[in-house]
Amino acid sequence: DTDETYWEHLWFTLRMSARFLYTTIVIMIHGIFPFLLTRAGSDQIEAIYRIIKTRIPKSRRDAMDSDYHV
């Protein structure tokens, strides 16, 4: 669906996995020490959302956005 070769897809998933791992570590550190990394976790989550959102077909993006309520 993303018009990528196997290697392009693999490289993307490895980079995203590293970003998720980094985000997990940052959030855990912030959980233990709330005064540290006060924006790093949420900044990473927003960045991940922006990256993933560009890879989702428009029809699914619109449905996701309409279902999202804060």
C-alpha atoms as a PDB file:
ATOM      1  CA  ASP A   1       0.000   0.000   0.000  1.00  0.00           C
ATOM      2  CA  THR A   2       2.920   2.386   0.523  1.00  0.00           C
ATOM      3  CA  ASP A   3       4.589   1.783  -2.874  1.00  0.00           C
ATOM      4  CA  GLU A   4       7.869   0.889  -1.199  1.00  0.00           C
ATOM      5  CA  THR A   5      10.326  -1.843  -1.954  1.00  0.00           C
ATOM      6  CA  TYR A   6      10.971  -4.449   0.681  1.00  0.00           C
ATOM      7  CA  TRP A   7      14.206  -2.698   1.718  1.00  0.00           C
ATOM      8  CA  GLU A   8      12.598   0.741   1.876  1.00  0.00           C
ATOM      9  CA  HIS A   9       9.817  -0.666   4.039  1.00  0.00           C
ATOM     10  CA  LEU A  10      12.306  -2.475   6.269  1.00  0.00           C
ATOM     11  CA  TRP A  11      14.400   0.687   6.709  1.00  0.00           C
ATOM     12  CA  PHE A  12      11.266   2.690   7.587  1.00  0.00           C
ATOM     13  CA  THR A  13      10.124   0.135  10.160  1.00  0.00           C
ATOM     14  CA  LEU A  14      13.574  -0.008  11.755  1.00  0.00           C
ATOM     15  CA  ARG A  15      13.671   3.787  12.078  1.00  0.00           C
ATOM     16  CA  MET A  16      10.151   3.874  13.518  1.00  0.00           C
ATOM     17  CA  SER A  17      10.993   1.077  15.961  1.00  0.00           C
ATOM     18  CA  ALA A  18      13.995   3.066  17.164  1.00  0.00           C
ATOM     19  CA  ARG A  19      11.779   6.144  17.578  1.00  0.00           C
ATOM     20  CA  PHE A  20       9.217   4.130  19.578  1.00  0.00           C
ATOM     21  CA  LEU A  21      11.971   2.713  21.783  1.00  0.00           C
ATOM     22  CA  TYR A  22      13.412   6.189  22.401  1.00  0.00           C
ATOM     23  CA  THR A  23       9.925   7.506  23.211  1.00  0.00           C
ATOM     24  CA  THR A  24       9.310   4.642  25.631  1.00  0.00           C
ATOM     25  CA  ILE A  25      12.558   5.357  27.476  1.00  0.00           C
ATOM     26  CA  VAL A  26      11.840   9.095  27.637  1.00  0.00           C
ATOM     27  CA  ILE A  27       8.342   8.508  29.018  1.00  0.00           C
ATOM     28  CA  MET A  28       9.642   6.054  31.626  1.00  0.00           C
ATOM     29  CA  ILE A  29      12.300   8.528  32.771  1.00  0.00           C
ATOM     30  CA  HIS A  30       9.675  11.280  32.956  1.00  0.00           C
ATOM     31  CA  GLY A  31       7.395   8.965  34.963  1.00  0.00           C
ATOM     32  CA  ILE A  32      10.126   8.436  37.553  1.00  0.00           C
ATOM     33  CA  PHE A  33      11.404  12.017  37.514  1.00  0.00           C
ATOM     34  CA  PRO A  34       8.439  14.238  36.509  1.00  0.00           C
ATOM     35  CA  PHE A  35      10.611  17.353  36.441  1.00  0.00           C
ATOM     36  CA  LEU A  36      12.768  15.893  33.615  1.00  0.00           C
ATOM     37  CA  LEU A  37      11.884  15.628  29.932  1.00  0.00           C
ATOM     38  CA  THR A  38       8.581  17.408  30.410  1.00  0.00           C
ATOM     39  CA  ARG A  39       7.914  17.829  26.663  1.00  0.00           C
ATOM     40  CA  ALA A  40      10.127  15.203  25.018  1.00  0.00           C
ATOM     41  CA  GLY A  41       7.623  12.351  25.217  1.00  0.00           C
ATOM     42  CA  SER A  42       4.648  14.269  23.885  1.00  0.00           C
ATOM     43  CA  ASP A  43       6.821  15.866  21.182  1.00  0.00           C
ATOM     44  CA  GLN A  44       7.877  12.403  20.018  1.00  0.00           C
ATOM     45  CA  ILE A  45       4.303  11.106  20.050  1.00  0.00           C
ATOM     46  CA  GLU A  46       3.213  14.071  17.924  1.00  0.00           C
ATOM     47  CA  ALA A  47       6.104  13.454  15.510  1.00  0.00           C
ATOM     48  CA  ILE A  48       5.198   9.760  15.217  1.00  0.00           C
ATOM     49  CA  TYR A  49       1.577  10.688  14.554  1.00  0.00           C
ATOM     50  CA  ARG A  50       2.588  13.128  11.793  1.00  0.00           C
ATOM     51  CA  ILE A  51       4.858  10.538  10.147  1.00  0.00           C
ATOM     52  CA  ILE A  52       2.315   7.728  10.277  1.00  0.00           C
ATOM     53  CA  LYS A  53      -0.547   9.976   9.183  1.00  0.00           C
ATOM     54  CA  THR A  54       1.212  10.772   5.895  1.00  0.00           C
ATOM     55  CA  ARG A  55       1.376   7.047   5.091  1.00  0.00           C
ATOM     56  CA  ILE A  56      -2.330   6.309   5.651  1.00  0.00           C
ATOM     57  CA  PRO A  57      -4.716   6.562   2.674  1.00  0.00           C
ATOM     58  CA  LYS A  58      -6.805   9.732   2.771  1.00  0.00           C
ATOM     59  CA  SER A  59     -10.114   7.900   3.281  1.00  0.00           C
ATOM     60  CA  ARG A  60      -8.785   6.199   6.427  1.00  0.00           C
ATOM     61  CA  ARG A  61      -7.173   9.456   7.657  1.00  0.00           C
ATOM     62  CA  ASP A  62     -10.488  11.288   7.374  1.00  0.00           C
ATOM     63  CA  ALA A  63     -12.246   8.515   9.289  1.00  0.00           C
ATOM     64  CA  MET A  64      -9.537   8.581  11.985  1.00  0.00           C
ATOM     65  CA  ASP A  65      -9.765  12.336  12.360  1.00  0.00           C
ATOM     66  CA  SER A  66     -13.558  12.297  12.613  1.00  0.00           C
ATOM     67  CA  ASP A  67     -13.399   9.548  15.268  1.00  0.00           C
ATOM     68  CA  TYR A  68     -10.789  11.397  17.340  1.00  0.00           C
ATOM     69  CA  HIS A  69     -12.338  13.235  20.274  1.00  0.00           C
ATOM     70  CA  VAL A  70     -10.452  14.901  23.115  1.00  0.00           C
END
